[in-house]
Amino acid sequence: MIVGILFALCAGLFVGVQGIFNRHVNMKVSSWAATAFILATGSIASLVVGLLLDGTAIFNFSDMKPAYWLFGLVGIGVIFCTMTAMRKIGPTKTIVIGVIAQLTTSMIFDMTGFLVLPKVTLEWTHIAGLLLMIVGIYLFNYQKKETNA
């Protein structure tokens, strides 16, 4: 479990840092060009690291359902929407709102067993935690308007 928590913390760190890098790319080119660039560089890096760590075993897709080939298209939506949001509201708000959307979606998928996930019972603590995060985001982003004297 500790290893999983460490990887989750690293993922959050990477998302925060990537958001800043992506914003810089997005300021120079369109969101679509930024999306293509980010996916291309990520694909090349994944391929190189995968080959170094796992060798040609990374190309074994024999147990993968054909529908799963389309799931990579979701990444296009993730990056394009993130790039566009960062341009409009900045990296911090984009990431925070994105995390709430992820938690909400994951909670719904867990409750319904969507995509063959094991069903999880919704408890009041799940809803309370989500609402607490939403309130926290509001407080984090609340800015009192200053009046010039």
C-alpha atoms as a PDB file:
ATOM      1  CA  MET A   1       0.000   0.000   0.000  1.00  0.00           C
ATOM      2  CA  ILE A   2       2.864   2.385   0.795  1.00  0.00           C
ATOM      3  CA  VAL A   3       4.264   1.922  -2.721  1.00  0.00           C
ATOM      4  CA  GLY A   4       0.857   2.756  -4.197  1.00  0.00           C
ATOM      5  CA  ILE A   5       0.614   5.908  -2.089  1.00  0.00           C
ATOM      6  CA  LEU A   6       4.105   6.988  -3.153  1.00  0.00           C
ATOM      7  CA  PHE A   7       3.244   6.461  -6.817  1.00  0.00           C
ATOM      8  CA  ALA A   8       0.013   8.433  -6.352  1.00  0.00           C
ATOM      9  CA  LEU A   9       1.951  11.292  -4.750  1.00  0.00           C
ATOM     10  CA  CYS A  10       4.461  11.207  -7.626  1.00  0.00           C
ATOM     11  CA  ALA A  11       1.584  11.250 -10.132  1.00  0.00           C
ATOM     12  CA  GLY A  12       0.166  14.347  -8.463  1.00  0.00           C
ATOM     13  CA  LEU A  13       3.576  15.993  -8.521  1.00  0.00           C
ATOM     14  CA  PHE A  14       3.994  15.165 -12.208  1.00  0.00           C
ATOM     15  CA  VAL A  15       0.519  16.495 -13.059  1.00  0.00           C
ATOM     16  CA  GLY A  16       1.296  19.790 -11.320  1.00  0.00           C
ATOM     17  CA  VAL A  17       4.668  20.195 -13.025  1.00  0.00           C
ATOM     18  CA  GLN A  18       3.326  19.066 -16.395  1.00  0.00           C
ATOM     19  CA  GLY A  19       0.542  21.602 -16.134  1.00  0.00           C
ATOM     20  CA  ILE A  20       3.083  24.407 -15.883  1.00  0.00           C
ATOM     21  CA  PHE A  21       5.131  23.067 -18.816  1.00  0.00           C
ATOM     22  CA  ASN A  22       1.991  22.515 -20.876  1.00  0.00           C
ATOM     23  CA  ARG A  23       0.851  26.050 -20.228  1.00  0.00           C
ATOM     24  CA  HIS A  24       4.103  27.386 -21.645  1.00  0.00           C
ATOM     25  CA  VAL A  25       3.677  25.263 -24.777  1.00  0.00           C
ATOM     26  CA  ASN A  26       0.040  26.313 -25.045  1.00  0.00           C
ATOM     27  CA  MET A  27       1.006  30.002 -24.925  1.00  0.00           C
ATOM     28  CA  LYS A  28       3.113  29.577 -28.083  1.00  0.00           C
ATOM     29  CA  VAL A  29       0.850  27.350 -30.178  1.00  0.00           C
ATOM     30  CA  SER A  30      -2.816  26.368 -30.419  1.00  0.00           C
ATOM     31  CA  SER A  31      -4.349  23.906 -27.965  1.00  0.00           C
ATOM     32  CA  TRP A  32      -4.512  21.281 -30.734  1.00  0.00           C
ATOM     33  CA  ALA A  33      -0.825  21.716 -31.593  1.00  0.00           C
ATOM     34  CA  ALA A  34       0.061  21.586 -27.890  1.00  0.00           C
ATOM     35  CA  THR A  35      -1.992  18.401 -27.497  1.00  0.00           C
ATOM     36  CA  ALA A  36      -0.250  16.749 -30.465  1.00  0.00           C
ATOM     37  CA  PHE A  37       3.182  17.828 -29.218  1.00  0.00           C
ATOM     38  CA  ILE A  38       2.568  16.615 -25.674  1.00  0.00           C
ATOM     39  CA  LEU A  39       1.146  13.266 -26.808  1.00  0.00           C
ATOM     40  CA  ALA A  40       3.979  12.750 -29.307  1.00  0.00           C
ATOM     41  CA  THR A  41       6.760  13.499 -26.835  1.00  0.00           C
ATOM     42  CA  GLY A  42       5.048  11.395 -24.167  1.00  0.00           C
ATOM     43  CA  SER A  43       4.601   8.486 -26.585  1.00  0.00           C
ATOM     44  CA  ILE A  44       8.245   8.562 -27.636  1.00  0.00           C
ATOM     45  CA  ALA A  45       9.443   8.751 -24.030  1.00  0.00           C
ATOM     46  CA  SER A  46       7.099   5.917 -22.985  1.00  0.00           C
ATOM     47  CA  LEU A  47       8.321   3.754 -25.848  1.00  0.00           C
ATOM     48  CA  VAL A  48      12.002   4.327 -25.019  1.00  0.00           C
ATOM     49  CA  VAL A  49      11.588   3.774 -21.259  1.00  0.00           C
ATOM     50  CA  GLY A  50       9.334   0.757 -21.852  1.00  0.00           C
ATOM     51  CA  LEU A  51      11.879  -0.842 -24.179  1.00  0.00           C
ATOM     52  CA  LEU A  52      14.683  -0.195 -21.705  1.00  0.00           C
ATOM     53  CA  LEU A  53      12.787  -1.611 -18.721  1.00  0.00           C
ATOM     54  CA  ASP A  54      10.629  -4.375 -20.259  1.00  0.00           C
ATOM     55  CA  GLY A  55      12.148  -5.015 -23.662  1.00  0.00           C
ATOM     56  CA  THR A  56       9.929  -6.169 -26.500  1.00  0.00           C
ATOM     57  CA  ALA A  57       7.359  -7.510 -24.009  1.00  0.00           C
ATOM     58  CA  ILE A  58       5.750  -4.051 -24.168  1.00  0.00           C
ATOM     59  CA  PHE A  59       4.367  -5.024 -27.584  1.00  0.00           C
ATOM     60  CA  ASN A  60       2.378  -8.008 -26.266  1.00  0.00           C
ATOM     61  CA  PHE A  61      -1.221  -6.932 -26.790  1.00  0.00           C
ATOM     62  CA  SER A  62      -2.650 -10.439 -27.135  1.00  0.00           C
ATOM     63  CA  ASP A  63      -4.848 -10.219 -24.018  1.00  0.00           C
ATOM     64  CA  MET A  64      -6.176  -6.749 -24.767  1.00  0.00           C
ATOM     65  CA  LYS A  65      -9.776  -6.345 -25.896  1.00  0.00           C
ATOM     66  CA  PRO A  66     -10.160  -4.485 -29.221  1.00  0.00           C
ATOM     67  CA  ALA A  67     -12.314  -1.778 -27.589  1.00  0.00           C
ATOM     68  CA  TYR A  68      -9.382  -0.841 -25.358  1.00  0.00           C
ATOM     69  CA  TRP A  69      -7.513   0.459 -28.411  1.00  0.00           C
ATOM     70  CA  LEU A  70      -9.936   3.385 -28.448  1.00  0.00           C
ATOM     71  CA  PHE A  71      -9.306   4.396 -24.844  1.00  0.00           C
ATOM     72  CA  GLY A  72      -6.144   6.228 -25.874  1.00  0.00           C
ATOM     73  CA  LEU A  73      -8.407   8.694 -27.629  1.00  0.00           C
ATOM     74  CA  VAL A  74      -9.593   9.811 -24.203  1.00  0.00           C
ATOM     75  CA  GLY A  75      -6.079  11.183 -23.654  1.00  0.00           C
ATOM     76  CA  ILE A  76      -6.654  13.622 -26.488  1.00  0.00           C
ATOM     77  CA  GLY A  77      -9.681  14.985 -24.659  1.00  0.00           C
ATOM     78  CA  VAL A  78      -7.795  15.164 -21.375  1.00  0.00           C
ATOM     79  CA  ILE A  79      -4.909  17.152 -22.781  1.00  0.00           C
ATOM     80  CA  PHE A  80      -6.933  19.402 -25.097  1.00  0.00           C
ATOM     81  CA  CYS A  81      -9.449  20.290 -22.370  1.00  0.00           C
ATOM     82  CA  THR A  82      -6.644  20.862 -19.868  1.00  0.00           C
ATOM     83  CA  MET A  83      -4.759  23.124 -22.291  1.00  0.00           C
ATOM     84  CA  THR A  84      -7.868  25.145 -23.074  1.00  0.00           C
ATOM     85  CA  ALA A  85      -8.836  25.455 -19.393  1.00  0.00           C
ATOM     86  CA  MET A  86      -5.330  26.555 -18.407  1.00  0.00           C
ATOM     87  CA  ARG A  87      -5.431  29.258 -21.041  1.00  0.00           C
ATOM     88  CA  LYS A  88      -8.789  30.496 -19.661  1.00  0.00           C
ATOM     89  CA  ILE A  89      -8.467  30.053 -15.862  1.00  0.00           C
ATOM     90  CA  GLY A  90      -4.794  29.217 -15.140  1.00  0.00           C
ATOM     91  CA  PRO A  91      -3.022  26.035 -14.035  1.00  0.00           C
ATOM     92  CA  THR A  92      -3.996  25.925 -10.349  1.00  0.00           C
ATOM     93  CA  LYS A  93      -7.734  26.260 -10.882  1.00  0.00           C
ATOM     94  CA  THR A  94      -7.596  23.843 -13.831  1.00  0.00           C
ATOM     95  CA  ILE A  95      -5.864  21.119 -11.828  1.00  0.00           C
ATOM     96  CA  VAL A  96      -8.032  21.569  -8.731  1.00  0.00           C
ATOM     97  CA  ILE A  97     -11.292  21.523 -10.677  1.00  0.00           C
ATOM     98  CA  GLY A  98      -9.974  18.583 -12.704  1.00  0.00           C
ATOM     99  CA  VAL A  99      -9.263  16.617  -9.524  1.00  0.00           C
ATOM    100  CA  ILE A 100     -12.830  17.165  -8.319  1.00  0.00           C
ATOM    101  CA  ALA A 101     -14.157  16.021 -11.707  1.00  0.00           C
ATOM    102  CA  GLN A 102     -11.918  12.933 -11.509  1.00  0.00           C
ATOM    103  CA  LEU A 103     -13.120  12.083  -8.011  1.00  0.00           C
ATOM    104  CA  THR A 104     -16.764  12.577  -8.939  1.00  0.00           C
ATOM    105  CA  THR A 105     -16.445  10.467 -12.082  1.00  0.00           C
ATOM    106  CA  SER A 106     -14.499   7.751 -10.271  1.00  0.00           C
ATOM    107  CA  MET A 107     -17.064   7.696  -7.469  1.00  0.00           C
ATOM    108  CA  ILE A 108     -19.901   7.263  -9.970  1.00  0.00           C
ATOM    109  CA  PHE A 109     -17.996   4.522 -11.827  1.00  0.00           C
ATOM    110  CA  ASP A 110     -17.238   2.755  -8.535  1.00  0.00           C
ATOM    111  CA  MET A 111     -20.888   2.911  -7.444  1.00  0.00           C
ATOM    112  CA  THR A 112     -22.245   1.618 -10.760  1.00  0.00           C
ATOM    113  CA  GLY A 113     -19.530  -0.893 -11.594  1.00  0.00           C
ATOM    114  CA  PHE A 114     -19.040   0.861 -14.945  1.00  0.00           C
ATOM    115  CA  LEU A 115     -16.421  -0.719 -17.228  1.00  0.00           C
ATOM    116  CA  VAL A 116     -16.518  -3.915 -15.165  1.00  0.00           C
ATOM    117  CA  LEU A 117     -15.220  -2.279 -12.003  1.00  0.00           C
ATOM    118  CA  PRO A 118     -16.168  -3.911  -8.726  1.00  0.00           C
ATOM    119  CA  LYS A 119     -19.126  -2.026  -7.237  1.00  0.00           C
ATOM    120  CA  VAL A 120     -18.422   0.049  -4.160  1.00  0.00           C
ATOM    121  CA  THR A 121     -21.139   1.142  -1.759  1.00  0.00           C
ATOM    122  CA  LEU A 122     -21.553   4.902  -1.538  1.00  0.00           C
ATOM    123  CA  GLU A 123     -21.276   6.153   2.016  1.00  0.00           C
ATOM    124  CA  TRP A 124     -21.989   9.561   3.468  1.00  0.00           C
ATOM    125  CA  THR A 125     -18.259  10.049   4.117  1.00  0.00           C
ATOM    126  CA  HIS A 126     -17.573   9.895   0.360  1.00  0.00           C
ATOM    127  CA  ILE A 127     -20.087  12.656  -0.325  1.00  0.00           C
ATOM    128  CA  ALA A 128     -18.893  14.688   2.665  1.00  0.00           C
ATOM    129  CA  GLY A 129     -15.289  14.426   1.485  1.00  0.00           C
ATOM    130  CA  LEU A 130     -16.212  15.550  -2.015  1.00  0.00           C
ATOM    131  CA  LEU A 131     -18.266  18.482  -0.692  1.00  0.00           C
ATOM    132  CA  LEU A 132     -15.425  19.452   1.640  1.00  0.00           C
ATOM    133  CA  MET A 133     -13.059  19.551  -1.338  1.00  0.00           C
ATOM    134  CA  ILE A 134     -15.469  21.745  -3.277  1.00  0.00           C
ATOM    135  CA  VAL A 135     -15.761  24.150  -0.344  1.00  0.00           C
ATOM    136  CA  GLY A 136     -11.965  24.112  -0.015  1.00  0.00           C
ATOM    137  CA  ILE A 137     -11.571  25.035  -3.670  1.00  0.00           C
ATOM    138  CA  TYR A 138     -14.025  27.872  -3.267  1.00  0.00           C
ATOM    139  CA  LEU A 139     -12.079  29.175  -0.257  1.00  0.00           C
ATOM    140  CA  PHE A 140      -8.767  28.679  -2.070  1.00  0.00           C
ATOM    141  CA  ASN A 141      -9.958  30.702  -5.050  1.00  0.00           C
ATOM    142  CA  TYR A 142     -11.999  33.312  -3.174  1.00  0.00           C
ATOM    143  CA  GLN A 143     -10.482  36.722  -3.648  1.00  0.00           C
ATOM    144  CA  LYS A 144     -11.830  39.718  -1.813  1.00  0.00           C
ATOM    145  CA  LYS A 145     -12.091  42.674  -4.159  1.00  0.00           C
ATOM    146  CA  GLU A 146      -9.944  45.495  -2.909  1.00  0.00           C
ATOM    147  CA  THR A 147     -11.175  49.028  -3.215  1.00  0.00           C
ATOM    148  CA  ASN A 148      -8.745  51.785  -4.033  1.00  0.00           C
ATOM    149  CA  ALA A 149      -8.906  54.619  -1.557  1.00  0.00           C
END
